[in-house]
Amino acid sequence: MTTAPDVSVVVAVYNTMPYLTECLNSLVRQSIGLDRIEIVAVDDGSTDESGAELDRFAEKYPGTFKVIHQANSGGPAAPSNRALDLATGRFVYFIGSDDYLGEEALARMVAYADDHGSDVVVGKMVGTNGRYVHQKLYVKNDPDISLYDSSLPFTLANTKLFRRELVEKHQLRFPEDLPVGSDQPFTIEACVRARKISVLSDYTYYYAVKRGDASNITYRADHLARLRCTAKIMEHTAGLIEPGPQRDAVFKRHFDWELSKLLQKDFPALDTSTKRLVCEGLAVLIDAYYTDGLRDGTGVTRRVRFGLAQRGAVDELSRAIAEETEHGAPPFFLEGDRAFASYPGFRDDAVGLDDRFYEVLGEAVPGRLSKGTELESAAWEQDGAELSLALKVRLGIIGDTSSAVVALAQGAMPKSADKPGALRMSKDARRPEAVGEFVRETVGDDRGTLLSARIPVQPVKAKRGVRVYADVAGSTYEIPVRTDGLPMPLARRWGRVVPYRVAANPNTKGRLVITTAPLWETKAGTLTRLRRKLSGRKRK
């Protein structure tokens, strides 16, 4: 009597040479041993050497490989279903034919599933060749995670270990009418019906490869095809999960990823008819599934775009995306303790989109504030013995800017602020007072507010960053002033009793810093003393 293998590895293949060879080699080298696995590979009408490569491996490993050749079906669903019909293992595992596994992957996952009674095991996946793979799920090994309170909805590929009893009990198969995302309905339903889902993060189980020609099917689909596929995925999911927080937890992924990607910088270049069809399709999904909770939990950029699409405001949506792509995010409009992103359509009766779509709702916005805050001019001004640095700084905020001040920093920006360039201060942090003379005025083209400040130079040795402090949506932000290549005034010698060298320059991150030091401690002072000394020797 022949013992069923522990794992049936399903490989749907279409034109993936030379990547296929590495994929198959990674399977036959699995530490679990060839006697415990079967590899069911279906060639979906390949026109390269993929079919021949499968036959070569089948000839070399006759007791391990089952190879089927069929006419092209247009996607991975049909060959995966064909393979499932032939699978005999206790578990089934799916691998993309251009990807590969770590040597111990199957042994570790099967052992963990047996130890914990898992119906689904997710092994840590990483991307190669620039392929993005979401990593938040892989924090630690966990024998029992939920689809609804983990990062699992952002890891819905079928590249997991599934108990085949679960698959056959619920007749789980891949929808063959979806050219993109056909693995999601399968994975979502398996996770909904699983008794236990486990995640393994202690080893790299799966390497997802982005092909050099970017010919992975996910990278080739157009806007309308992706929209249609996502709509079917969401419809299938809605039939499995009742409305409420659990469904929202899954659909957050689709609004954040699949649907948001339809409204990125390539959208304005689409023809008018396609843009309109995209907006109409999105409106259906937004009306059906975009709950108030999902809306308020979405960042303001995506939320505005969804709102404009829902309203059919194609022109405003195109302009919002194009302008942000070219010039960055628009200024914030402050009104009391509320902040709104002033995208096209804001408070436009013709658009009719509720303010809530434009409002900053609990999210941190350091990157947007940093990009919208820059130096317009800088010059030294001397009045008798007093020296000041006169600055004009554009702040990406309009409306009530009474909280905004220019000040000198109390210390260096922490490393946590290096990426976004600004910092949301803690509630108990003390913000510095404004320095010198200070004026606010609105920039005429609605690009923000112009802050004019005269910062007096103090006779102390110091290196201080110039910052803007502003309150936005209940939080105080410390925003370094970027010089963005603007020419800086030349360093000055200042002071009669004790001469100082004063300089205003960008630091290595492009942020404006004022440096003062006694002249004799500077290189310039050293050179002056050396010249005087040499000159004195010559006179002798």
Protein backbone atom coordinates (compact mmCIF):
# COMPACT_ATOMS: atom_id res chain seq x y z
CA MET A 1 0.00 0.00 0.00
CA THR A 2 1.40 3.39 -1.07
CA THR A 3 1.53 6.05 1.66
CA ALA A 4 0.17 9.45 0.67
CA PRO A 5 2.83 12.16 0.57
CA ASP A 6 2.84 14.81 3.27
CA VAL A 7 2.77 17.68 0.77
CA SER A 8 1.54 18.16 -2.77
CA VAL A 9 3.36 21.15 -4.24
CA VAL A 10 1.32 22.81 -6.97
CA VAL A 11 3.20 24.67 -9.71
CA ALA A 12 1.21 26.50 -12.39
CA VAL A 13 3.63 27.25 -15.25
CA TYR A 14 3.51 29.67 -18.16
CA ASN A 15 6.66 30.96 -19.88
CA THR A 16 8.84 31.31 -16.79
CA MET A 17 12.21 30.15 -18.05
CA PRO A 18 14.92 30.52 -16.86
CA TYR A 19 13.36 31.20 -13.43
CA LEU A 20 11.53 27.87 -13.54
CA THR A 21 14.76 25.90 -13.21
CA GLU A 22 15.66 27.52 -9.89
CA CYS A 23 12.09 27.01 -8.68
CA LEU A 24 12.15 23.27 -9.42
CA ASN A 25 15.66 22.84 -8.03
CA SER A 26 14.52 24.42 -4.76
CA LEU A 27 11.72 21.83 -4.58
CA VAL A 28 13.78 18.70 -5.20
CA ARG A 29 16.36 19.94 -2.67
CA GLN A 30 13.84 20.26 0.15
CA SER A 31 15.15 18.76 3.38
CA ILE A 32 11.82 17.03 3.98
CA GLY A 33 12.91 14.45 1.38
CA LEU A 34 11.48 13.45 -1.98
CA ASP A 35 9.64 10.49 -0.43
CA ARG A 36 7.37 12.90 1.50
CA ILE A 37 6.39 15.25 -1.32
CA GLU A 38 4.84 15.19 -4.75
CA ILE A 39 5.19 18.00 -7.27
CA VAL A 40 2.17 18.55 -9.50
CA ALA A 41 3.16 20.90 -12.31
CA VAL A 42 0.75 22.06 -15.02
CA ASP A 43 2.18 23.69 -18.13
CA ASP A 44 -0.47 26.18 -19.25
CA GLY A 45 0.45 26.29 -22.93
CA SER A 46 3.95 27.75 -22.56
CA THR A 47 5.64 28.92 -25.76
CA ASP A 48 9.17 28.98 -24.33
CA GLU A 49 11.17 26.05 -22.95
CA SER A 50 9.12 25.72 -19.77
CA GLY A 51 7.27 22.60 -20.90
CA ALA A 52 10.48 20.85 -21.89
CA GLU A 53 12.07 21.77 -18.56
CA LEU A 54 9.16 20.21 -16.68
CA ASP A 55 9.50 17.02 -18.72
CA ARG A 56 13.25 16.95 -17.98
CA PHE A 57 12.60 17.09 -14.23
CA ALA A 58 9.81 14.48 -14.51
CA GLU A 59 12.19 12.12 -16.28
CA LYS A 60 14.87 12.69 -13.66
CA TYR A 61 12.49 12.35 -10.69
CA PRO A 62 9.75 9.98 -11.95
CA GLY A 63 8.35 9.17 -8.51
CA THR A 64 8.03 12.82 -7.50
CA PHE A 65 6.75 14.77 -10.50
CA LYS A 66 3.35 14.73 -12.15
CA VAL A 67 3.45 16.95 -15.24
CA ILE A 68 0.39 17.97 -17.24
CA HIS A 69 0.43 19.97 -20.48
CA GLN A 70 -2.68 21.90 -21.50
CA ALA A 71 -3.73 24.73 -23.80
CA ASN A 72 -3.27 28.22 -22.45
CA SER A 73 -6.10 29.31 -20.17
CA GLY A 74 -5.07 32.95 -19.67
CA GLY A 75 -4.14 32.80 -15.98
CA PRO A 76 -2.89 30.64 -13.11
CA ALA A 77 -6.35 29.61 -11.84
CA ALA A 78 -7.15 26.81 -14.31
CA PRO A 79 -3.77 25.04 -14.08
CA SER A 80 -3.89 25.34 -10.27
CA ASN A 81 -7.34 23.76 -10.21
CA ARG A 82 -6.18 20.97 -12.51
CA ALA A 83 -3.28 20.29 -10.15
CA LEU A 84 -5.57 20.29 -7.11
CA ASP A 85 -7.69 17.58 -8.72
CA LEU A 86 -4.57 15.40 -8.96
CA ALA A 87 -3.08 16.19 -5.54
CA THR A 88 -2.93 13.38 -2.95
CA GLY A 89 -0.89 14.91 -0.09
CA ARG A 90 -2.11 15.64 3.43
CA PHE A 91 -1.22 19.26 2.74
CA VAL A 92 -1.06 21.28 -0.43
CA TYR A 93 1.41 24.09 -1.07
CA PHE A 94 1.36 26.59 -3.95
CA ILE A 95 4.48 28.16 -5.43
CA GLY A 96 4.85 30.62 -8.28
CA SER A 97 6.93 29.07 -11.07
CA ASP A 98 9.32 32.03 -11.03
CA ASP A 99 9.86 31.87 -7.25
CA TYR A 100 11.79 29.47 -5.01
CA LEU A 101 11.79 28.06 -1.46
CA GLY A 102 14.29 27.94 1.37
CA GLU A 103 15.72 24.44 1.77
CA GLU A 104 13.93 23.67 5.04
CA ALA A 105 10.64 25.38 4.17
CA LEU A 106 8.32 22.39 3.71
CA ALA A 107 9.79 20.36 6.59
CA ARG A 108 9.36 23.24 9.03
CA MET A 109 5.82 24.09 7.93
CA VAL A 110 4.53 20.51 7.96
CA ALA A 111 6.05 19.89 11.40
CA TYR A 112 4.48 23.07 12.77
CA ALA A 113 1.07 22.22 11.29
CA ASP A 114 1.22 18.75 12.84
CA ASP A 115 2.35 20.07 16.23
CA HIS A 116 -0.38 22.73 16.42
CA GLY A 117 -3.23 21.29 14.38
CA SER A 118 -3.02 24.16 11.88
CA ASP A 119 -5.20 24.22 8.77
CA VAL A 120 -3.18 27.06 7.25
CA VAL A 121 0.51 27.85 7.80
CA VAL A 122 2.06 31.08 6.51
CA GLY A 123 5.84 31.00 6.19
CA LYS A 124 7.87 34.18 5.99
CA MET A 125 8.20 35.48 2.43
CA VAL A 126 10.71 38.01 1.12
CA GLY A 127 11.01 39.74 -2.24
CA THR A 128 13.97 39.62 -4.60
CA ASN A 129 14.98 41.82 -7.57
CA GLY A 130 12.99 44.69 -6.05
CA ARG A 131 9.76 42.73 -5.55
CA TYR A 132 7.73 44.23 -2.71
CA VAL A 133 6.47 41.83 -0.04
CA HIS A 134 4.56 43.10 3.00
CA GLN A 135 6.48 42.20 6.17
CA LYS A 136 4.33 43.25 9.11
CA LEU A 137 2.90 39.76 9.62
CA TYR A 138 6.33 38.25 10.20
CA VAL A 139 7.12 39.55 13.68
CA LYS A 140 7.27 36.22 15.50
CA ASN A 141 6.10 32.63 15.29
CA ASP A 142 2.45 32.44 16.27
CA PRO A 143 0.45 29.18 16.29
CA ASP A 144 -2.95 30.85 16.20
CA ILE A 145 -3.59 34.16 14.44
CA SER A 146 -6.84 35.68 13.23
CA LEU A 147 -7.66 36.99 9.79
CA TYR A 148 -9.38 39.94 11.47
CA ASP A 149 -6.87 41.34 13.96
CA SER A 150 -3.53 40.72 12.27
CA SER A 151 -1.74 41.81 9.10
CA LEU A 152 -2.89 38.63 7.32
CA PRO A 153 -5.29 40.53 4.99
CA PHE A 154 -2.18 42.16 3.50
CA THR A 155 -0.69 38.70 2.81
CA LEU A 156 -3.37 36.99 0.74
CA ALA A 157 -1.28 35.19 -1.86
CA ASN A 158 -1.89 31.43 -1.97
CA THR A 159 1.78 30.74 -1.24
CA LYS A 160 0.91 28.99 2.01
CA LEU A 161 0.53 25.47 3.36
CA PHE A 162 -3.14 24.38 3.38
CA ARG A 163 -4.54 21.20 4.92
CA ARG A 164 -6.01 19.41 1.90
CA GLU A 165 -8.88 18.05 3.98
CA LEU A 166 -10.01 21.68 4.47
CA VAL A 167 -9.65 22.39 0.75
CA GLU A 168 -11.72 19.38 -0.32
CA LYS A 169 -14.32 19.67 2.44
CA HIS A 170 -15.28 23.13 1.22
CA GLN A 171 -14.44 22.46 -2.45
CA LEU A 172 -12.07 25.39 -2.53
CA ARG A 173 -10.96 26.23 -6.05
CA PHE A 174 -9.64 29.26 -7.92
CA PRO A 175 -12.08 31.38 -9.97
CA GLU A 176 -10.97 30.92 -13.57
CA ASP A 177 -12.49 34.17 -14.81
CA LEU A 178 -10.02 36.33 -12.85
CA PRO A 179 -6.77 37.04 -14.71
CA VAL A 180 -5.44 38.90 -11.64
CA GLY A 181 -5.91 38.05 -7.97
CA SER A 182 -7.50 34.63 -8.48
CA ASP A 183 -5.65 33.36 -5.41
CA GLN A 184 -7.38 35.82 -3.08
CA PRO A 185 -10.88 34.22 -2.98
CA PHE A 186 -9.25 30.84 -2.32
CA THR A 187 -6.99 32.17 0.44
CA ILE A 188 -9.67 34.32 2.09
CA GLU A 189 -12.20 31.50 2.21
CA ALA A 190 -9.60 29.04 3.51
CA CYS A 191 -8.70 31.47 6.29
CA VAL A 192 -12.36 32.15 7.13
CA ARG A 193 -13.08 28.42 7.41
CA ALA A 194 -9.80 27.31 9.02
CA ARG A 195 -9.84 26.09 12.60
CA LYS A 196 -6.36 27.49 13.16
CA ILE A 197 -4.00 29.71 11.14
CA SER A 198 -0.31 29.79 12.06
CA VAL A 199 2.51 32.09 11.00
CA LEU A 200 6.23 31.25 10.98
CA SER A 201 8.74 34.09 11.01
CA ASP A 202 11.94 32.33 12.16
CA TYR A 203 13.22 31.39 8.70
CA THR A 204 12.94 32.63 5.11
CA TYR A 205 10.53 30.13 3.61
CA TYR A 206 9.69 31.75 0.30
CA TYR A 207 11.57 34.00 -2.12
CA ALA A 208 9.24 35.99 -4.42
CA VAL A 209 11.05 37.00 -7.60
CA LYS A 210 10.31 40.05 -9.70
CA ARG A 211 11.36 39.15 -13.20
CA GLY A 212 13.86 41.35 -14.96
CA ASP A 213 11.28 42.14 -17.65
CA ALA A 214 8.52 42.77 -15.03
CA SER A 215 6.36 40.23 -16.87
CA ASN A 216 4.72 38.83 -13.72
CA ILE A 217 1.00 38.90 -14.44
CA THR A 218 0.29 41.31 -11.56
CA TYR A 219 2.50 43.93 -13.19
CA ARG A 220 0.80 43.67 -16.62
CA ALA A 221 -2.93 44.08 -15.96
CA ASP A 222 -4.64 47.33 -16.92
CA HIS A 223 -6.88 49.54 -14.76
CA LEU A 224 -10.24 48.12 -15.80
CA ALA A 225 -9.08 44.50 -15.54
CA ARG A 226 -7.74 45.11 -12.02
CA LEU A 227 -10.93 46.92 -11.04
CA ARG A 228 -13.13 44.09 -12.32
CA CYS A 229 -11.05 41.45 -10.54
CA THR A 230 -11.02 43.36 -7.25
CA ALA A 231 -14.80 43.85 -7.43
CA LYS A 232 -15.28 40.07 -7.79
CA ILE A 233 -12.88 39.37 -4.92
CA MET A 234 -14.77 41.78 -2.67
CA GLU A 235 -18.13 40.35 -3.71
CA HIS A 236 -16.93 36.84 -2.87
CA THR A 237 -15.57 38.00 0.48
CA ALA A 238 -18.82 39.81 1.33
CA GLY A 239 -20.62 36.49 0.91
CA LEU A 240 -18.35 34.92 3.54
CA ILE A 241 -18.14 37.67 6.18
CA GLU A 242 -21.07 39.62 7.59
CA PRO A 243 -20.93 43.44 7.52
CA GLY A 244 -19.05 44.83 10.51
CA PRO A 245 -15.53 45.23 11.89
CA GLN A 246 -14.33 41.82 10.65
CA ARG A 247 -15.30 42.51 7.05
CA ASP A 248 -13.80 46.01 7.35
CA ALA A 249 -10.51 44.47 8.55
CA VAL A 250 -10.26 42.47 5.32
CA PHE A 251 -11.55 45.20 3.00
CA LYS A 252 -9.08 47.71 4.41
CA ARG A 253 -6.48 45.86 2.36
CA HIS A 254 -8.44 46.27 -0.87
CA PHE A 255 -9.08 49.97 -0.36
CA ASP A 256 -5.48 50.60 0.74
CA TRP A 257 -3.89 48.53 -2.01
CA GLU A 258 -5.82 47.32 -5.06
CA LEU A 259 -8.27 50.21 -5.31
CA SER A 260 -5.81 52.94 -4.28
CA LYS A 261 -3.41 51.80 -7.00
CA LEU A 262 -6.05 52.64 -9.61
CA LEU A 263 -5.81 56.30 -8.58
CA GLN A 264 -2.09 56.93 -8.74
CA LYS A 265 0.06 59.12 -10.98
CA ASP A 266 -0.80 57.16 -14.16
CA PHE A 267 -4.53 57.89 -13.79
CA PRO A 268 -4.53 61.41 -15.35
CA ALA A 269 -2.94 60.00 -18.52
CA LEU A 270 -5.81 57.55 -19.13
CA ASP A 271 -8.32 58.42 -21.81
CA THR A 272 -11.48 60.17 -20.63
CA SER A 273 -13.72 57.15 -21.16
CA THR A 274 -11.46 54.85 -19.13
CA LYS A 275 -11.20 57.39 -16.31
CA ARG A 276 -14.97 57.65 -16.18
CA LEU A 277 -15.41 53.86 -16.14
CA VAL A 278 -12.85 53.53 -13.34
CA CYS A 279 -14.70 56.13 -11.26
CA GLU A 280 -18.06 54.48 -11.90
CA GLY A 281 -16.72 51.08 -10.85
CA LEU A 282 -15.09 52.52 -7.75
CA ALA A 283 -18.30 54.32 -6.82
CA VAL A 284 -20.16 50.99 -6.73
CA LEU A 285 -17.58 49.48 -4.37
CA ILE A 286 -17.39 52.61 -2.21
CA ASP A 287 -21.17 52.74 -1.86
CA ALA A 288 -21.30 49.05 -0.92
CA TYR A 289 -18.26 48.57 1.31
CA TYR A 290 -16.57 51.85 2.27
CA THR A 291 -18.01 52.19 5.76
CA ASP A 292 -17.55 55.28 7.93
CA GLY A 293 -14.95 53.36 9.91
CA LEU A 294 -12.94 52.53 6.81
CA ARG A 295 -13.28 56.08 5.51
CA ASP A 296 -12.06 57.69 8.73
CA GLY A 297 -9.20 55.19 9.00
CA THR A 298 -7.93 55.98 5.51
CA GLY A 299 -5.21 58.62 5.05
CA VAL A 300 -6.49 61.91 3.70
CA THR A 301 -4.81 61.58 0.28
CA ARG A 302 -6.51 58.28 -0.52
CA ARG A 303 -9.75 59.34 1.12
CA VAL A 304 -10.06 62.45 -1.04
CA ARG A 305 -9.37 60.45 -4.19
CA PHE A 306 -12.00 57.88 -3.30
CA GLY A 307 -14.49 60.65 -2.52
CA LEU A 308 -13.89 62.42 -5.84
CA ALA A 309 -14.22 59.13 -7.71
CA GLN A 310 -17.45 58.36 -5.89
CA ARG A 311 -18.86 61.76 -6.87
CA GLY A 312 -17.78 61.23 -10.48
CA ALA A 313 -15.59 64.36 -10.29
CA VAL A 314 -13.17 63.09 -12.93
CA ASP A 315 -11.60 66.47 -13.70
CA GLU A 316 -11.01 67.36 -10.05
CA LEU A 317 -9.62 63.88 -9.37
CA SER A 318 -7.22 64.08 -12.31
CA ARG A 319 -6.08 67.53 -11.22
CA ALA A 320 -5.60 66.44 -7.60
CA ILE A 321 -3.36 63.55 -8.65
CA ALA A 322 -1.42 65.49 -11.30
CA GLU A 323 -0.79 68.51 -9.07
CA GLU A 324 0.36 66.38 -6.16
CA THR A 325 2.65 64.38 -8.44
CA GLU A 326 4.24 67.54 -9.83
CA HIS A 327 4.21 69.93 -6.88
CA GLY A 328 3.63 67.80 -3.78
CA ALA A 329 0.65 67.78 -1.43
CA PRO A 330 -1.45 70.94 -1.23
CA PRO A 331 -1.38 73.21 1.84
CA PHE A 332 -3.42 72.38 4.90
CA PHE A 333 -6.33 74.68 5.67
CA LEU A 334 -6.61 75.23 9.43
CA GLU A 335 -9.92 76.08 11.00
CA GLY A 336 -9.85 76.11 14.80
CA ASP A 337 -8.52 72.73 15.91
CA ARG A 338 -9.42 71.06 12.59
CA ALA A 339 -7.15 70.70 9.56
CA PHE A 340 -8.16 70.01 5.98
CA ALA A 341 -6.06 69.11 2.93
CA SER A 342 -7.02 71.70 0.31
CA TYR A 343 -7.26 69.36 -2.68
CA PRO A 344 -9.42 70.30 -5.68
CA GLY A 345 -13.11 70.07 -4.86
CA PHE A 346 -12.72 71.19 -1.25
CA ARG A 347 -15.91 73.06 -0.31
CA ASP A 348 -16.92 73.18 -3.96
CA ASP A 349 -20.71 73.03 -4.20
CA ALA A 350 -20.49 71.60 -7.70
CA VAL A 351 -18.58 68.59 -6.35
CA GLY A 352 -20.58 68.27 -3.14
CA LEU A 353 -18.06 66.20 -1.23
CA ASP A 354 -18.36 66.25 2.55
CA ASP A 355 -15.58 68.01 4.52
CA ARG A 356 -14.88 64.73 6.29
CA PHE A 357 -13.12 63.43 3.18
CA TYR A 358 -10.64 66.32 3.31
CA GLU A 359 -10.05 66.37 7.06
CA VAL A 360 -6.89 65.14 8.79
CA LEU A 361 -8.28 62.50 11.15
CA GLY A 362 -5.74 61.27 13.66
CA GLU A 363 -2.98 60.56 11.15
CA ALA A 364 0.52 61.96 11.55
CA VAL A 365 1.50 64.26 8.68
CA PRO A 366 5.20 65.09 9.23
CA GLY A 367 6.21 64.27 5.66
CA ARG A 368 3.56 66.53 4.12
CA LEU A 369 4.46 69.43 6.41
CA SER A 370 8.17 69.03 5.74
CA LYS A 371 7.73 68.98 1.96
CA GLY A 372 5.50 72.04 2.12
CA THR A 373 7.89 74.09 4.27
CA GLU A 374 10.87 75.68 2.59
CA LEU A 375 13.12 78.70 2.69
CA GLU A 376 12.26 81.53 0.27
CA SER A 377 15.10 83.93 1.16
CA ALA A 378 17.85 84.54 3.71
CA ALA A 379 20.06 87.60 4.26
CA TRP A 380 22.12 89.21 7.00
CA GLU A 381 20.85 92.55 8.33
CA GLN A 382 22.97 94.74 10.59
CA ASP A 383 21.69 97.63 12.67
CA GLY A 384 24.60 99.21 14.50
CA ALA A 385 26.15 96.51 16.62
CA GLU A 386 23.13 94.16 16.19
CA LEU A 387 23.25 91.42 13.54
CA SER A 388 20.21 89.40 12.49
CA LEU A 389 19.38 86.76 9.92
CA ALA A 390 16.31 87.86 7.99
CA LEU A 391 14.32 84.88 6.73
CA LYS A 392 11.23 84.28 4.67
CA VAL A 393 9.87 80.75 5.11
CA ARG A 394 6.93 79.31 3.24
CA LEU A 395 4.76 77.06 5.41
CA GLY A 396 2.35 74.67 3.69
CA ILE A 397 -0.60 75.86 5.79
CA ILE A 398 -3.33 78.43 5.14
CA GLY A 399 -6.23 79.62 7.25
CA ASP A 400 -5.71 79.99 10.99
CA THR A 401 -1.91 79.95 11.30
CA SER A 402 -1.78 81.81 14.62
CA SER A 403 0.09 78.88 16.22
CA ALA A 404 2.95 78.91 13.72
CA VAL A 405 6.27 80.41 14.81
CA VAL A 406 9.87 80.38 13.61
CA ALA A 407 12.28 79.46 16.39
CA LEU A 408 15.73 78.06 17.04
CA ALA A 409 15.81 74.39 17.95
CA GLN A 410 16.68 73.26 21.46
CA GLY A 411 18.61 70.25 20.13
CA ALA A 412 19.26 68.02 17.14
CA MET A 413 16.35 66.36 15.36
CA PRO A 414 16.06 62.72 16.49
CA LYS A 415 16.79 59.94 14.02
CA SER A 416 13.06 59.14 13.98
CA ALA A 417 12.56 62.41 12.09
CA ASP A 418 15.16 61.70 9.43
CA LYS A 419 12.83 60.02 6.95
CA PRO A 420 9.75 62.29 7.03
CA GLY A 421 11.86 65.32 7.83
CA ALA A 422 9.58 66.62 10.59
CA LEU A 423 8.50 65.45 14.01
CA ARG A 424 5.15 65.24 15.75
CA MET A 425 6.02 66.37 19.27
CA SER A 426 4.80 64.54 22.35
CA LYS A 427 1.97 66.11 24.32
CA ASP A 428 4.25 67.12 27.19
CA ALA A 429 7.06 68.52 25.01
CA ARG A 430 7.83 72.24 25.42
CA ARG A 431 7.84 74.22 22.21
CA PRO A 432 10.29 77.15 21.94
CA GLU A 433 9.10 80.73 21.77
CA ALA A 434 9.36 82.73 18.56
CA VAL A 435 12.65 84.54 18.13
CA GLY A 436 13.17 88.15 17.06
CA GLU A 437 10.67 90.03 14.93
CA PHE A 438 7.98 87.87 13.37
CA VAL A 439 5.26 88.41 10.72
CA ARG A 440 2.76 86.04 9.05
CA GLU A 441 1.15 86.70 5.69
CA THR A 442 -0.80 84.54 3.24
CA VAL A 443 0.98 83.72 -0.02
CA GLY A 444 -1.03 85.16 -2.89
CA ASP A 445 -1.21 81.93 -4.91
CA ASP A 446 -2.62 79.84 -2.03
CA ARG A 447 0.64 77.92 -1.71
CA GLY A 448 0.66 78.53 2.03
CA THR A 449 1.63 81.15 4.56
CA LEU A 450 4.78 83.23 4.40
CA LEU A 451 6.55 83.56 7.74
CA SER A 452 8.98 86.48 7.96
CA ALA A 453 11.43 86.41 10.86
CA ARG A 454 14.51 88.35 11.98
CA ILE A 455 16.64 86.07 14.14
CA PRO A 456 19.16 88.06 16.25
CA VAL A 457 22.65 86.59 16.47
CA GLN A 458 23.84 85.95 20.03
CA PRO A 459 27.52 86.15 21.10
CA VAL A 460 27.74 82.51 22.14
CA LYS A 461 29.31 79.44 20.61
CA ALA A 462 26.36 77.50 19.20
CA LYS A 463 24.99 75.51 16.29
CA ARG A 464 21.21 75.81 16.14
CA GLY A 465 18.72 74.55 13.58
CA VAL A 466 16.02 76.89 12.32
CA ARG A 467 12.61 75.29 12.81
CA VAL A 468 8.96 76.10 12.34
CA TYR A 469 6.56 75.02 15.06
CA ALA A 470 2.90 74.66 14.11
CA ASP A 471 -0.25 73.08 15.52
CA VAL A 472 -2.14 70.85 13.06
CA ALA A 473 -5.23 68.81 13.97
CA GLY A 474 -4.45 68.76 17.67
CA SER A 475 -0.74 67.95 17.36
CA THR A 476 2.33 70.20 17.44
CA TYR A 477 4.92 69.62 14.73
CA GLU A 478 8.58 70.60 14.72
CA ILE A 479 9.52 71.25 11.09
CA PRO A 480 13.10 71.86 9.96
CA VAL A 481 13.46 74.58 7.34
CA ARG A 482 14.82 73.13 4.10
CA THR A 483 17.03 75.28 1.91
CA ASP A 484 16.40 73.26 -1.30
CA GLY A 485 19.55 74.57 -2.98
CA LEU A 486 18.78 78.24 -2.30
CA PRO A 487 22.03 80.30 -2.22
CA MET A 488 22.97 81.18 1.36
CA PRO A 489 24.46 84.52 2.49
CA LEU A 490 28.22 84.53 2.96
CA ALA A 491 29.59 83.94 6.44
CA ARG A 492 30.16 87.14 8.43
CA ARG A 493 32.69 88.41 10.95
CA TRP A 494 30.75 90.12 13.71
CA GLY A 495 31.51 91.70 17.08
CA ARG A 496 34.06 94.29 18.17
CA VAL A 497 35.21 93.27 21.63
CA VAL A 498 35.15 89.53 20.87
CA PRO A 499 34.95 88.84 17.14
CA TYR A 500 32.71 85.97 16.03
CA ARG A 501 32.27 84.12 12.79
CA VAL A 502 28.59 83.71 11.91
CA ALA A 503 27.33 81.36 9.16
CA ALA A 504 23.94 80.20 7.89
CA ASN A 505 24.22 77.00 5.86
CA PRO A 506 22.36 73.74 5.16
CA ASN A 507 23.51 70.69 7.09
CA THR A 508 24.03 67.29 5.43
CA LYS A 509 20.25 66.78 5.27
CA GLY A 510 19.61 70.15 3.63
CA ARG A 511 18.21 71.79 6.79
CA LEU A 512 19.09 75.37 7.69
CA VAL A 513 21.53 75.74 10.60
CA ILE A 514 22.98 78.94 12.14
CA THR A 515 26.52 78.52 13.50
CA THR A 516 28.32 81.05 15.72
CA ALA A 517 31.80 80.66 17.16
CA PRO A 518 34.58 82.95 18.43
CA LEU A 519 36.76 83.78 15.47
CA TRP A 520 39.95 82.43 17.03
CA GLU A 521 38.34 78.95 17.30
CA THR A 522 37.52 78.79 13.61
CA LYS A 523 39.69 77.87 10.64
CA ALA A 524 39.35 81.44 9.39
CA GLY A 525 40.68 82.76 12.70
CA THR A 526 43.59 80.33 12.66
CA LEU A 527 44.56 81.40 9.15
CA THR A 528 44.36 85.08 10.11
CA ARG A 529 46.68 84.56 13.08
CA LEU A 530 49.06 82.54 10.91
CA ARG A 531 49.18 85.29 8.25
CA ARG A 532 49.85 87.92 10.92
CA LYS A 533 52.62 85.83 12.41
CA LEU A 534 54.28 85.27 9.02
CA SER A 535 53.91 88.95 8.13
CA GLY A 536 55.58 89.94 11.40
CA ARG A 537 58.54 87.67 10.68
CA LYS A 538 59.03 89.22 7.24
CA ARG A 539 59.12 92.75 8.70
CA LYS A 540 61.87 91.68 11.10
